[in-house]
Structure formats: C-alpha cells, structure tokens
Amino acid sequence: MTNVTDQDRVVIFDTTLRDGEQSPGATMTHDEKLEIAELLDEMGVDIIEAGFPIASEGDFKAVSEIAERSKNSRICGLARANFADIDRCWEAVKHAEKNRIHTFIGTSPLHRAIPNLTMDEMADKIHETVTHARNLCENVQWSPMDATRTEWDYLCRVIEIAIKAGATTINIPDTVGYTAPVESADLIKRLIETVPGADEVVFATHCHNDLGMATANSLAAVAGGARQIECTINGLGERAGNTALEEVVMALRTRNDIMPWHTGIDTTKIMHISRRVATVAGFPVQFNKAIVGKNAFAHESGIHQDGMLKNRENFEIMRPEDIGLSGTSLPLGKHSGRAALRDKLETLGFEVGDNQLKDIFVRFKDLADRKKEVFDDDLIALMSLDDDDDRLQLVSMKVTCGTGGQAESTVELEFDGKDVIATEHGDGPVDATFKAIRAIYPNKAHLQLYQVHAVTEGTDAQATVSVRLEEDGMIATGQSANTDTVVASAKAYIHALNRLIMRREKAGPGADTREISYKDLT
C-alpha cells in the first residue's frame, strides 16, 4: 500500500484476555493466557489488554509476565477509577517495553447511581484518577463506561476533563450494545469536532454485540474518526460478545475501496489463533460464524459448486489462504507417517516440536484405526490435548444401556495416583457416567452447559463435547473430542473438574474466589 499516513492506520486493541475472559466459563489458565498473548503479539496486534490486575493475584501475575515477555505489542491493564486499582495496574505493566494504563468509570445516569456520585463528584474523581495514572505512565486510556447512554453535554464535559488530565486515548464504549451504526459514526465525529483538545488524542471504539451490530458499529466509528478498534478473537465477551477482531480486520482488507484504512495484522495467523482461543476458552465457534466458522468457505449447493469450479471469485470474496486456511481438506489415514502429519499440522497453522509430534502421532494412529479417514477438523480436535498433570484422569469406562432409557456406567479414574472405580445408574449413558465420576470425586458443581457437535461427517465422526461447571461462584469449562460421544463427555467433565480443583487450590482455604466487581469502586 502506497502513500499511507497515520490517519489511514487503525490501531487494533485486543481485549480477549480481559473482556473476552469475562464470558461465563471462559476463564483461562496462566499458561493459556501467556500462549494467547504470544500469538496476539506475533500476529501484529498493536495493544493487548492483558487483564484486570487488581481482580486477583493470578490476573496480576499473568499481566506482569505478559508485559515482561511482549516483543511487539503495547501491554495494557484495566483499572477502575481509584488509586489502588491504578497503582496495581502500573505495577503489572511497568516492565513492558511499551505499556498503557486503561482506567474507566460509568458516566451514564444508570452507572452514576452505582457509586452514588453526583455529576460534579464524578468529574472530580475523573480528574484525580486520570492525573494519577498519567503521573505513573505516559500512555493512558480513559473510558466513560456506557458512553452511548450518557447525556451529550456531560459526556463532552468529562472527556475534556480526561484530556486535560493527560489521557492520550479516549475510548467510547457501547457497553450494552445499544447504539446503531449511524449513531456510532455521528457520535465520534461530533465529539472530535466539539470537545476541546480532541484533535490531540486518539479516539477509540469499544462495541458489544447485543443487537448483532458490533462490527458495523466499530467500522462506522472509524468512518467517524476513531482510529482504534477494541475487539476480541471470535467475538468472545460478556453476553452476546464483543466486536470480533477477525471481522473488522478482514472487512477493512476486503472492502478497502470504500473503507480506506488499514491495520498491521498478519491475517494469515487468524485461523490458528481463532482455534486456540476456542479450545482454551471452551467456546466452540459456530459453524456459520463470519471469517472463521467451519462453513465460512464451504459450498454445498450445486449452483455454488459449479460456480466455484469455474471461478472461485463467483462465491468467495476472500481467499481461504488469506486467513491461514490451506484451502483444501485432504484426509490422512492409518498408513500416513510422521512427516505427512507434521506437514499437515503446519499447513493448519500448528508448529510442533519433535516430542510433541511423537505424542500427537500416537493419538493420530489411534484415531486412524477407528476412522477410515482423518480430516483437517479431526486433527484440529486432536491438538486439544488433556493435561498429563491433572489430578483426575480417566483410566477406563464401560457403559450399558437398557431399552427403557436407563443406563449403567462403570468408570475407573486415577485420582492422585490411585485407581478408583465406581458404578452408577442414570437416565442415559452420559447421566450415569457423570454420576459415577461424582461418586469417585464428590463435588457440588452445577452443570451449566453440556454441548456436543460432530467434528466431521459420518457415523465414525469425532464428537467434540464442551462442559461448563459452576461451584461456589467459580466457573470452569472442559472440552474433549472422541469418536465415542460418551467417552468425550466423560473427559470433558473431568477436564472441567480439574480446572475447578486447580482454581480452588490456587485460591487457598477460605479465599474469596469471586471476580471483583464494579460495585467495589469506592
């Protein structure tokens, strides 16, 4: 691209590790956060919001380590409008080569009522906290939460205060996904034209997808003058999610004729990070999801297939290769060797070492013995490996079903190095299996989600099972794939239990494991 100026450049601010992780059940382990941060850094994300440092000791450690390890991205932490949050945030991000403090407060009438502050009291608080943040860090972002439902005059007033206090980026959040594209563009344009000093800062947009307009609202805001988009991988986020990174990036790339802006994202890495986030968060991507869905580049109707064979541009506005897809789905079989497996994994975006390849190859051969053909999606599912260090591990299981729906399941688990067996009955094989697991490891975890989908087609298809458990305010998600749906269900349930065990042990006896909330602001 020639003659590109700063005004043509849109900064990508990824908040998968902060706002995305706030999705119920999407909590990631420390190592998973580091892995996702590294992938974001490699793909060219400008700013990574790595977490909410004061929320927990685990969050603080993850943000700190990401800050120390980052090679290219600016590392940002979130802080509410108080000195303790801001100080903790600075401690976490200060070792990054490029850092940022992001502080916020809810400015709409509804959100001002939460800390019970008058307009003037809140204005003073904004001045004090943004000034404090700027005294610590040269790069400060400020957000008026629920900006799109804040009175116009007051919104202008507090933004001017934040700019004068030293904010370098002003983020305009559509916190509840309330606005529409025409409003989003107009709001940013009017703020830039109205607020004194607005031409000296970067305006950002942060949209939620409650009405299905997050991507449209973000792109409209850019048209209005915003030069930073806040987004997440796969649109992960609270409620209906956030703006999807892959959607805005590919929209700007594909329709650069009418949206003449660009990002620094290496789009060929999109599919790999999409799959990893889906796996570690336990949130499968819907098949018809734009850009990264399984069917995004699939063509089934005869008319479409005929058109594709004649010219792919008939029905594809993007090339699969542009987002990291091979463009083909060539199956492997039980006679395939390590070299072919490694080559296929690399084509799918997975880089594996020799030791890891040996382990994957054993799993691949086991799967190939049970299936005639192993497809790309089967291999992707195989890359979601169970942790050998888990306290609970499945050793064996046997399930029998009666004609009346009753089932009996005998499960053998290795629990802290000892093999334990239990047999239970239930309304179907999965219910009986879960009861047997609970008999071996008694728990009060409530099953919030049980989801099954076939990875590939056919009666020998692998099933991917996602399980979400909640216990005493803690939420954990497990996922597993197997040609036997009941086995996949058992492994997913055990995976979620192991995550609950890990979180409980890290919290320590008597610890409050609930997430810190906005109502603790004062």
Protein backbone atom coordinates (compact mmCIF):
# COMPACT_ATOMS: atom_id res chain seq x y z
CA MET A 1 0.00 0.00 0.00
CA THR A 2 1.42 3.36 -1.00
CA ASN A 3 1.05 6.86 0.43
CA VAL A 4 -0.23 5.56 3.76
CA THR A 5 -0.48 8.14 6.56
CA ASP A 6 -1.19 7.87 10.29
CA GLN A 7 -4.77 8.89 9.54
CA ASP A 8 -5.14 5.77 7.41
CA ARG A 9 -3.90 3.47 10.20
CA VAL A 10 -6.40 1.80 12.54
CA VAL A 11 -4.92 0.55 15.82
CA ILE A 12 -6.12 -2.90 16.89
CA PHE A 13 -6.67 -3.17 20.65
CA ASP A 14 -7.34 -6.79 21.61
CA THR A 15 -9.14 -7.46 24.88
CA THR A 16 -9.61 -11.24 24.58
CA LEU A 17 -7.60 -11.78 27.78
CA ARG A 18 -9.66 -9.23 29.72
CA ASP A 19 -13.17 -8.59 28.39
CA GLY A 20 -13.23 -11.87 26.47
CA GLU A 21 -12.27 -13.85 29.55
CA GLN A 22 -15.22 -12.32 31.42
CA SER A 23 -17.55 -14.60 29.43
CA PRO A 24 -19.00 -17.06 31.96
CA GLY A 25 -16.86 -20.18 31.78
CA ALA A 26 -14.16 -18.68 29.55
CA THR A 27 -11.54 -18.38 32.31
CA MET A 28 -8.07 -19.34 31.04
CA THR A 29 -5.15 -20.79 32.96
CA HIS A 30 -1.95 -18.81 33.44
CA ASP A 31 -0.10 -20.72 30.73
CA GLU A 32 -3.01 -20.40 28.33
CA LYS A 33 -3.05 -16.62 28.80
CA LEU A 34 0.68 -16.46 28.06
CA GLU A 35 0.20 -18.58 24.94
CA ILE A 36 -2.66 -16.45 23.60
CA ALA A 37 -0.74 -13.24 24.36
CA GLU A 38 2.25 -14.55 22.42
CA LEU A 39 0.04 -15.40 19.43
CA LEU A 40 -1.55 -11.94 19.54
CA ASP A 41 1.90 -10.36 19.70
CA GLU A 42 3.09 -12.39 16.71
CA MET A 43 0.05 -11.57 14.56
CA GLY A 44 0.63 -7.83 14.89
CA VAL A 45 -1.93 -6.71 17.49
CA ASP A 46 -0.98 -3.16 18.47
CA ILE A 47 -2.26 -3.24 22.05
CA ILE A 48 -3.04 -6.27 24.22
CA GLU A 49 -5.29 -5.64 27.21
CA ALA A 50 -3.82 -8.46 29.24
CA GLY A 51 -6.17 -8.38 32.20
CA PHE A 52 -7.53 -6.62 35.28
CA PRO A 53 -4.52 -6.73 37.65
CA ILE A 54 -6.34 -5.96 40.89
CA ALA A 55 -9.04 -8.60 40.26
CA SER A 56 -6.88 -11.44 41.61
CA GLU A 57 -3.30 -12.43 42.27
CA GLY A 58 -3.49 -14.74 39.24
CA ASP A 59 -4.57 -11.89 36.98
CA PHE A 60 -1.75 -9.69 38.29
CA LYS A 61 0.87 -12.37 37.67
CA ALA A 62 -0.43 -13.07 34.15
CA VAL A 63 -0.41 -9.38 33.18
CA SER A 64 3.07 -8.93 34.68
CA GLU A 65 4.56 -11.88 32.83
CA ILE A 66 2.90 -10.92 29.56
CA ALA A 67 4.35 -7.41 30.00
CA GLU A 68 7.84 -8.81 30.50
CA ARG A 69 7.60 -11.22 27.55
CA SER A 70 5.97 -8.97 24.96
CA LYS A 71 8.13 -8.27 21.91
CA ASN A 72 6.00 -6.01 19.75
CA SER A 73 2.62 -5.16 21.30
CA ARG A 74 1.88 -2.47 23.86
CA ILE A 75 0.65 -4.16 27.05
CA CYS A 76 -2.33 -2.64 28.81
CA GLY A 77 -4.03 -3.33 32.12
CA LEU A 78 -7.50 -2.25 33.25
CA ALA A 79 -8.12 -0.19 36.37
CA ARG A 80 -11.23 1.31 37.90
CA ALA A 81 -11.28 4.95 38.93
CA ASN A 82 -9.37 4.69 42.20
CA PHE A 83 -5.71 4.98 43.17
CA ALA A 84 -5.38 1.38 44.43
CA ASP A 85 -6.51 -0.07 41.08
CA ILE A 86 -4.30 2.27 39.09
CA ASP A 87 -1.22 1.60 41.26
CA ARG A 88 -1.74 -2.16 40.97
CA CYS A 89 -2.19 -1.86 37.23
CA TRP A 90 1.05 0.10 36.88
CA GLU A 91 2.95 -2.47 38.93
CA ALA A 92 1.77 -5.14 36.48
CA VAL A 93 2.53 -3.35 33.20
CA LYS A 94 5.54 -1.19 34.07
CA HIS A 95 8.13 -3.73 32.88
CA ALA A 96 6.74 -3.84 29.35
CA GLU A 97 8.81 -2.07 26.71
CA LYS A 98 5.54 -0.35 25.72
CA ASN A 99 2.79 -0.08 28.33
CA ARG A 100 -0.59 1.53 28.98
CA ILE A 101 -2.94 2.11 31.90
CA HIS A 102 -6.63 1.91 30.97
CA THR A 103 -8.90 3.44 33.60
CA PHE A 104 -12.67 3.82 33.42
CA ILE A 105 -15.82 4.92 35.21
CA GLY A 106 -19.51 4.61 34.31
CA THR A 107 -20.86 8.00 33.25
CA SER A 108 -24.48 7.32 32.23
CA PRO A 109 -27.28 8.12 34.71
CA LEU A 110 -27.70 4.40 35.44
CA HIS A 111 -24.00 3.89 36.12
CA ARG A 112 -23.53 7.09 38.12
CA ALA A 113 -26.07 5.68 40.55
CA ILE A 114 -23.90 2.62 41.30
CA PRO A 115 -21.21 4.51 43.28
CA ASN A 116 -23.86 7.17 44.15
CA LEU A 117 -21.85 10.11 42.81
CA THR A 118 -23.19 13.44 41.62
CA MET A 119 -22.06 14.75 38.25
CA ASP A 120 -19.62 17.12 39.91
CA GLU A 121 -18.24 14.46 42.25
CA MET A 122 -17.68 12.12 39.35
CA ALA A 123 -16.00 14.86 37.32
CA ASP A 124 -13.59 15.50 40.19
CA LYS A 125 -12.88 11.78 40.50
CA ILE A 126 -12.09 11.55 36.80
CA HIS A 127 -9.65 14.45 37.03
CA GLU A 128 -7.90 12.96 40.09
CA THR A 129 -7.59 9.40 38.81
CA VAL A 130 -6.55 10.20 35.23
CA THR A 131 -3.95 12.65 36.58
CA HIS A 132 -2.66 9.95 38.92
CA ALA A 133 -2.44 7.43 36.07
CA ARG A 134 -0.61 9.90 33.82
CA ASN A 135 1.93 10.63 36.59
CA LEU A 136 2.80 6.91 36.50
CA CYS A 137 2.54 6.14 32.79
CA GLU A 138 2.92 8.29 29.68
CA ASN A 139 0.28 6.31 27.80
CA VAL A 140 -3.15 6.48 29.46
CA GLN A 141 -6.51 5.41 28.08
CA TRP A 142 -9.72 6.62 29.65
CA SER A 143 -13.21 5.22 29.10
CA PRO A 144 -16.62 6.67 30.08
CA MET A 145 -18.40 3.34 30.53
CA ASP A 146 -21.88 3.29 28.94
CA ALA A 147 -20.92 6.34 26.91
CA THR A 148 -23.65 5.75 24.33
CA ARG A 149 -26.32 6.26 27.04
CA THR A 150 -24.60 9.25 28.68
CA GLU A 151 -26.07 12.76 28.30
CA TRP A 152 -24.30 14.61 25.46
CA ASP A 153 -23.26 17.69 27.45
CA TYR A 154 -21.92 15.63 30.33
CA LEU A 155 -20.07 13.26 28.01
CA CYS A 156 -18.31 16.22 26.38
CA ARG A 157 -17.52 17.68 29.80
CA VAL A 158 -15.88 14.55 31.25
CA ILE A 159 -13.95 13.78 28.05
CA GLU A 160 -12.49 17.30 28.14
CA ILE A 161 -11.52 16.76 31.78
CA ALA A 162 -9.82 13.44 30.95
CA ILE A 163 -7.88 15.02 28.06
CA LYS A 164 -6.70 17.92 30.23
CA ALA A 165 -5.69 15.43 32.95
CA GLY A 166 -3.38 13.66 30.49
CA ALA A 167 -5.33 10.88 28.77
CA THR A 168 -3.78 10.04 25.40
CA THR A 169 -6.60 7.78 24.17
CA ILE A 170 -10.31 8.35 24.71
CA ASN A 171 -12.32 5.16 24.35
CA ILE A 172 -16.07 5.39 23.70
CA PRO A 173 -17.70 2.16 24.93
CA ASP A 174 -21.07 0.95 23.74
CA THR A 175 -21.14 -1.13 26.91
CA VAL A 176 -24.53 -2.75 26.39
CA GLY A 177 -24.58 -2.94 22.57
CA TYR A 178 -27.28 -0.26 22.43
CA THR A 179 -26.20 2.00 19.57
CA ALA A 180 -26.60 1.68 15.80
CA PRO A 181 -24.03 2.38 13.03
CA VAL A 182 -25.36 5.81 12.04
CA GLU A 183 -25.27 6.88 15.71
CA SER A 184 -21.82 5.39 16.25
CA ALA A 185 -20.29 7.35 13.38
CA ASP A 186 -22.09 10.57 14.33
CA LEU A 187 -21.10 10.36 17.99
CA ILE A 188 -17.38 10.05 17.29
CA LYS A 189 -17.50 12.78 14.63
CA ARG A 190 -19.33 15.23 16.91
CA LEU A 191 -17.02 14.55 19.86
CA ILE A 192 -13.92 15.22 17.75
CA GLU A 193 -15.48 18.43 16.43
CA THR A 194 -16.83 19.62 19.80
CA VAL A 195 -14.51 18.68 22.67
CA PRO A 196 -11.51 20.99 23.17
CA GLY A 197 -8.23 19.12 22.70
CA ALA A 198 -9.90 16.21 20.89
CA ASP A 199 -7.54 16.60 17.94
CA GLU A 200 -4.60 15.82 20.25
CA VAL A 201 -5.77 12.34 21.31
CA VAL A 202 -6.78 9.07 19.65
CA PHE A 203 -10.46 8.19 19.81
CA ALA A 204 -11.29 4.50 20.21
CA THR A 205 -14.47 2.45 19.90
CA HIS A 206 -15.50 -0.50 22.08
CA CYS A 207 -18.70 -2.19 20.92
CA HIS A 208 -20.74 -5.10 22.23
CA ASN A 209 -22.89 -7.33 20.07
CA ASP A 210 -26.21 -7.41 21.92
CA LEU A 211 -28.11 -6.34 18.80
CA GLY A 212 -25.71 -8.02 16.37
CA MET A 213 -24.16 -4.72 15.26
CA ALA A 214 -20.77 -4.67 17.00
CA THR A 215 -18.72 -4.99 13.81
CA ALA A 216 -20.88 -2.49 11.92
CA ASN A 217 -20.76 -0.01 14.82
CA SER A 218 -16.96 -0.30 15.08
CA LEU A 219 -16.42 0.30 11.36
CA ALA A 220 -18.89 3.19 11.45
CA ALA A 221 -16.94 4.73 14.33
CA VAL A 222 -13.78 4.54 12.23
CA ALA A 223 -15.62 6.36 9.45
CA GLY A 224 -16.49 8.98 12.05
CA GLY A 225 -12.85 9.47 13.00
CA ALA A 226 -11.99 6.77 15.54
CA ARG A 227 -8.56 5.26 14.93
CA GLN A 228 -8.59 2.43 17.46
CA ILE A 229 -10.92 -0.58 17.50
CA GLU A 230 -11.29 -2.65 20.66
CA CYS A 231 -12.10 -6.26 19.82
CA THR A 232 -11.63 -9.91 20.74
CA ILE A 233 -10.80 -13.13 18.93
CA ASN A 234 -14.00 -14.90 17.79
CA GLY A 235 -16.01 -12.02 19.27
CA LEU A 236 -15.58 -13.57 22.72
CA GLY A 237 -17.04 -11.49 25.53
CA GLU A 238 -19.84 -10.96 28.00
CA ARG A 239 -23.44 -11.64 26.96
CA ALA A 240 -23.50 -11.63 23.13
CA GLY A 241 -19.80 -10.84 22.94
CA ASN A 242 -17.55 -8.06 21.66
CA THR A 243 -16.56 -6.86 18.21
CA ALA A 244 -14.74 -9.74 16.50
CA LEU A 245 -11.15 -8.91 15.56
CA GLU A 246 -11.23 -11.14 12.50
CA GLU A 247 -14.37 -9.44 11.18
CA VAL A 248 -13.19 -5.82 11.35
CA VAL A 249 -9.71 -6.67 10.09
CA MET A 250 -10.94 -8.65 7.09
CA ALA A 251 -13.69 -6.12 6.35
CA LEU A 252 -11.09 -3.34 6.14
CA ARG A 253 -8.87 -5.51 3.98
CA THR A 254 -11.60 -6.80 1.66
CA ARG A 255 -13.54 -3.54 1.24
CA ASN A 256 -10.60 -1.15 1.24
CA ASP A 257 -12.23 0.54 -1.74
CA ILE A 258 -14.90 2.11 0.48
CA MET A 259 -13.07 1.87 3.83
CA PRO A 260 -9.59 3.22 3.00
CA TRP A 261 -7.93 2.30 6.29
CA HIS A 262 -5.52 -0.48 7.18
CA THR A 263 -4.25 -2.43 10.18
CA GLY A 264 -0.94 -4.09 10.96
CA ILE A 265 -2.47 -7.55 11.42
CA ASP A 266 -0.92 -10.59 9.72
CA THR A 267 -4.21 -12.09 8.60
CA THR A 268 -2.67 -15.48 7.76
CA LYS A 269 -2.48 -16.14 11.51
CA ILE A 270 -6.19 -15.57 12.13
CA MET A 271 -7.40 -19.18 11.87
CA HIS A 272 -4.76 -20.58 14.16
CA ILE A 273 -5.41 -18.13 16.99
CA SER A 274 -9.18 -18.48 16.48
CA ARG A 275 -8.89 -22.23 17.04
CA ARG A 276 -6.64 -21.88 20.06
CA VAL A 277 -8.94 -19.34 21.75
CA ALA A 278 -11.95 -21.57 21.05
CA THR A 279 -10.13 -24.52 22.60
CA VAL A 280 -8.71 -22.89 25.72
CA ALA A 281 -11.90 -20.92 26.42
CA GLY A 282 -14.13 -23.92 25.75
CA PHE A 283 -16.32 -21.84 23.41
CA PRO A 284 -16.68 -23.63 20.04
CA VAL A 285 -17.03 -21.30 17.04
CA GLN A 286 -20.46 -21.52 15.42
CA PHE A 287 -20.30 -23.14 12.00
CA ASN A 288 -21.67 -20.11 10.14
CA LYS A 289 -19.53 -17.56 12.00
CA ALA A 290 -18.11 -14.95 9.64
CA ILE A 291 -14.45 -15.44 8.60
CA VAL A 292 -13.53 -18.28 10.99
CA GLY A 293 -16.63 -20.52 11.03
CA LYS A 294 -16.34 -24.04 9.67
CA ASN A 295 -18.75 -23.18 6.84
CA ALA A 296 -17.28 -19.76 6.03
CA PHE A 297 -15.54 -21.20 2.94
CA ALA A 298 -17.80 -24.24 2.39
CA HIS A 299 -20.02 -24.57 -0.69
CA GLU A 300 -22.68 -27.27 -0.85
CA SER A 301 -25.34 -26.25 -3.37
CA GLY A 302 -24.85 -27.41 -6.95
CA ILE A 303 -25.01 -23.88 -8.34
CA HIS A 304 -22.36 -22.65 -5.92
CA GLN A 305 -20.09 -25.65 -6.52
CA ASP A 306 -20.34 -25.22 -10.28
CA GLY A 307 -19.55 -21.53 -9.96
CA MET A 308 -16.57 -22.23 -7.69
CA LEU A 309 -15.13 -24.73 -10.13
CA LYS A 310 -15.31 -22.16 -12.92
CA ASN A 311 -14.02 -19.22 -10.86
CA ARG A 312 -13.72 -19.11 -7.08
CA GLU A 313 -14.47 -15.38 -7.09
CA ASN A 314 -18.03 -16.22 -8.09
CA PHE A 315 -18.84 -17.08 -4.47
CA GLU A 316 -15.75 -16.14 -2.41
CA ILE A 317 -14.84 -12.53 -1.66
CA MET A 318 -11.77 -13.62 0.33
CA ARG A 319 -9.18 -16.33 -0.23
CA PRO A 320 -9.01 -19.03 2.47
CA GLU A 321 -5.22 -18.66 2.35
CA ASP A 322 -5.53 -15.02 3.47
CA ILE A 323 -6.71 -16.09 6.93
CA GLY A 324 -4.41 -19.09 7.24
CA LEU A 325 -6.53 -21.85 5.74
CA SER A 326 -4.95 -24.29 3.30
CA GLY A 327 -7.97 -24.01 1.03
CA THR A 328 -8.29 -27.78 0.93
CA SER A 329 -9.28 -30.56 3.30
CA LEU A 330 -7.13 -33.55 2.39
CA PRO A 331 -7.62 -36.57 4.65
CA LEU A 332 -4.83 -38.64 6.19
CA GLY A 333 -5.16 -42.31 7.08
CA LYS A 334 -3.65 -45.05 9.23
CA HIS A 335 -0.80 -45.57 6.74
CA SER A 336 0.32 -41.92 6.90
CA GLY A 337 3.65 -41.24 8.59
CA ARG A 338 5.06 -38.58 10.91
CA ALA A 339 6.33 -36.42 8.05
CA ALA A 340 2.89 -36.23 6.45
CA LEU A 341 1.30 -35.50 9.82
CA ARG A 342 3.79 -32.73 10.62
CA ASP A 343 3.32 -31.19 7.17
CA LYS A 344 -0.47 -31.22 7.54
CA LEU A 345 -0.30 -29.69 11.03
CA GLU A 346 1.97 -26.92 9.76
CA THR A 347 -0.47 -26.29 6.91
CA LEU A 348 -3.21 -25.91 9.52
CA GLY A 349 -1.10 -23.40 11.45
CA PHE A 350 0.30 -25.65 14.22
CA GLU A 351 4.03 -25.70 14.86
CA VAL A 352 5.01 -28.79 16.86
CA GLY A 353 8.31 -29.94 18.31
CA ASP A 354 9.66 -33.47 17.93
CA ASN A 355 8.48 -34.63 21.37
CA GLN A 356 5.04 -33.14 20.92
CA LEU A 357 4.80 -34.73 17.47
CA LYS A 358 5.50 -38.17 18.95
CA ASP A 359 2.61 -37.78 21.40
CA ILE A 360 0.24 -36.43 18.74
CA PHE A 361 1.26 -39.20 16.33
CA VAL A 362 0.22 -41.87 18.84
CA ARG A 363 -3.17 -40.19 19.23
CA PHE A 364 -3.43 -39.80 15.45
CA LYS A 365 -2.76 -43.51 14.85
CA ASP A 366 -5.30 -44.47 17.50
CA LEU A 367 -7.89 -42.26 15.82
CA ALA A 368 -6.96 -43.54 12.33
CA ASP A 369 -7.57 -47.12 13.50
CA ARG A 370 -11.12 -46.09 14.46
CA LYS A 371 -11.83 -43.93 11.40
CA LYS A 372 -11.38 -44.58 7.70
CA GLU A 373 -10.15 -41.06 7.07
CA VAL A 374 -8.77 -38.36 9.38
CA PHE A 375 -9.73 -34.90 8.14
CA ASP A 376 -8.36 -31.45 8.92
CA ASP A 377 -11.00 -30.82 11.59
CA ASP A 378 -10.16 -34.15 13.23
CA LEU A 379 -6.53 -33.03 13.53
CA ILE A 380 -7.57 -29.68 14.96
CA ALA A 381 -9.57 -31.52 17.62
CA LEU A 382 -6.56 -33.75 18.34
CA MET A 383 -4.49 -30.66 19.14
CA SER A 384 -6.72 -30.07 22.16
CA LEU A 385 -4.71 -32.34 24.44
CA ASP A 386 -5.54 -33.25 28.01
CA ASP A 387 -3.08 -32.23 30.73
CA ASP A 388 -1.00 -35.15 32.00
CA ASP A 389 -0.61 -33.36 35.35
CA ASP A 390 -4.37 -33.35 36.09
CA ARG A 391 -5.33 -34.86 39.45
CA LEU A 392 -8.26 -36.71 37.89
CA GLN A 393 -7.60 -38.83 34.80
CA LEU A 394 -9.83 -41.30 33.01
CA VAL A 395 -8.42 -44.84 33.01
CA SER A 396 -11.34 -46.84 31.60
CA MET A 397 -15.11 -46.91 31.40
CA LYS A 398 -17.88 -49.33 30.45
CA VAL A 399 -21.44 -48.30 29.70
CA THR A 400 -24.51 -50.49 29.17
CA CYS A 401 -27.92 -49.18 28.11
CA GLY A 402 -31.35 -50.69 28.56
CA THR A 403 -34.32 -50.29 26.23
CA GLY A 404 -36.15 -48.13 28.79
CA GLY A 405 -33.52 -45.37 28.76
CA GLN A 406 -31.82 -46.46 31.98
CA ALA A 407 -28.05 -46.88 31.70
CA GLU A 408 -25.27 -48.23 33.88
CA SER A 409 -21.77 -46.75 33.79
CA THR A 410 -18.64 -48.14 35.42
CA VAL A 411 -15.85 -45.58 35.50
CA GLU A 412 -12.25 -46.04 36.61
CA LEU A 413 -10.33 -42.86 37.40
CA GLU A 414 -6.78 -42.25 38.52
CA PHE A 415 -7.18 -39.85 41.45
CA ASP A 416 -3.97 -38.52 42.98
CA GLY A 417 -2.08 -41.60 41.72
CA LYS A 418 -4.63 -44.16 42.91
CA ASP A 419 -7.12 -46.02 40.71
CA VAL A 420 -10.72 -45.76 41.95
CA ILE A 421 -13.78 -47.45 40.42
CA ALA A 422 -17.46 -46.56 40.76
CA THR A 423 -20.65 -47.81 39.13
CA GLU A 424 -23.81 -45.69 38.87
CA HIS A 425 -27.15 -45.72 37.07
CA GLY A 426 -28.73 -42.80 35.28
CA ASP A 427 -31.19 -41.53 32.67
CA GLY A 428 -28.93 -42.33 29.74
CA PRO A 429 -25.21 -43.11 29.41
CA VAL A 430 -23.93 -39.55 29.95
CA ASP A 431 -26.00 -39.02 33.10
CA ALA A 432 -24.83 -42.37 34.52
CA THR A 433 -21.21 -41.56 33.66
CA PHE A 434 -21.31 -38.14 35.31
CA LYS A 435 -22.85 -39.70 38.43
CA ALA A 436 -20.06 -42.31 38.55
CA ILE A 437 -17.43 -39.56 38.31
CA ARG A 438 -19.14 -37.65 41.14
CA ALA A 439 -19.14 -40.83 43.21
CA ILE A 440 -15.35 -41.03 42.85
CA TYR A 441 -14.82 -37.29 43.36
CA PRO A 442 -17.77 -35.87 45.33
CA ASN A 443 -18.50 -32.26 44.42
CA LYS A 444 -21.28 -29.66 44.40
CA ALA A 445 -20.52 -28.42 40.88
CA HIS A 446 -23.62 -27.45 38.91
CA LEU A 447 -23.68 -28.40 35.22
CA GLN A 448 -24.36 -25.10 33.41
CA LEU A 449 -23.66 -26.26 29.87
CA TYR A 450 -23.38 -29.56 28.03
CA GLN A 451 -22.81 -29.23 24.29
CA VAL A 452 -21.97 -31.80 21.62
CA HIS A 453 -21.11 -31.29 17.98
CA ALA A 454 -19.60 -33.56 15.35
CA VAL A 455 -16.16 -32.53 14.13
CA THR A 456 -16.56 -34.24 10.77
CA GLU A 457 -19.34 -36.11 8.96
CA GLY A 458 -20.22 -39.79 9.08
CA THR A 459 -21.06 -42.36 11.72
CA ASP A 460 -17.37 -42.58 12.67
CA ALA A 461 -17.10 -38.80 13.19
CA GLN A 462 -15.35 -37.39 16.23
CA ALA A 463 -17.64 -35.65 18.70
CA THR A 464 -16.39 -32.54 20.48
CA VAL A 465 -18.04 -32.08 23.86
CA SER A 466 -17.98 -28.88 25.91
CA VAL A 467 -18.92 -28.89 29.59
CA ARG A 468 -19.29 -25.86 31.85
CA LEU A 469 -19.41 -26.31 35.65
CA GLU A 470 -20.14 -23.81 38.41
CA GLU A 471 -19.27 -24.31 42.07
CA ASP A 472 -19.40 -21.64 44.79
CA GLY A 473 -19.12 -18.81 42.27
CA MET A 474 -16.25 -20.43 40.36
CA ILE A 475 -16.82 -21.39 36.72
CA ALA A 476 -14.71 -23.81 34.69
CA THR A 477 -15.05 -25.20 31.19
CA GLY A 478 -13.79 -28.53 29.86
CA GLN A 479 -13.60 -29.79 26.31
CA SER A 480 -12.65 -33.09 24.69
CA ALA A 481 -13.05 -34.95 21.39
CA ASN A 482 -13.51 -38.66 20.70
CA THR A 483 -15.28 -40.93 18.23
CA ASP A 484 -17.27 -42.17 21.24
CA THR A 485 -19.52 -39.35 22.46
CA VAL A 486 -19.80 -40.78 25.98
CA VAL A 487 -16.02 -41.02 26.33
CA ALA A 488 -15.67 -37.44 25.06
CA SER A 489 -18.34 -36.37 27.57
CA ALA A 490 -16.52 -38.05 30.45
CA LYS A 491 -13.19 -36.47 29.51
CA ALA A 492 -14.74 -33.02 29.10
CA TYR A 493 -16.44 -33.31 32.50
CA ILE A 494 -13.18 -34.45 34.12
CA HIS A 495 -11.29 -31.62 32.40
CA ALA A 496 -13.71 -29.07 33.88
CA LEU A 497 -13.43 -30.68 37.33
CA ASN A 498 -9.63 -30.49 37.16
CA ARG A 499 -9.87 -26.78 36.39
CA LEU A 500 -12.14 -26.26 39.39
CA ILE A 501 -9.69 -28.17 41.59
CA MET A 502 -6.81 -26.05 40.30
CA ARG A 503 -8.64 -22.76 40.88
CA ARG A 504 -9.69 -23.82 44.40
CA GLU A 505 -6.15 -24.83 45.33
CA LYS A 506 -4.64 -21.61 43.97
CA ALA A 507 -7.19 -19.54 45.89
CA GLY A 508 -6.29 -21.27 49.15
CA PRO A 509 -8.56 -22.20 52.09
CA GLY A 510 -11.23 -19.63 52.86
CA ALA A 511 -10.29 -17.42 49.93
CA ASP A 512 -12.91 -15.39 48.10
CA THR A 513 -12.76 -16.74 44.54
CA ARG A 514 -15.42 -14.46 43.12
CA GLU A 515 -14.49 -11.92 40.47
CA ILE A 516 -14.04 -8.35 41.70
CA SER A 517 -16.98 -6.19 40.68
CA TYR A 518 -17.69 -2.62 39.70
CA LYS A 519 -19.74 -2.05 42.84
CA ASP A 520 -16.47 -2.23 44.82
CA LEU A 521 -15.46 1.03 43.10
CA THR A 522 -15.45 3.13 46.25
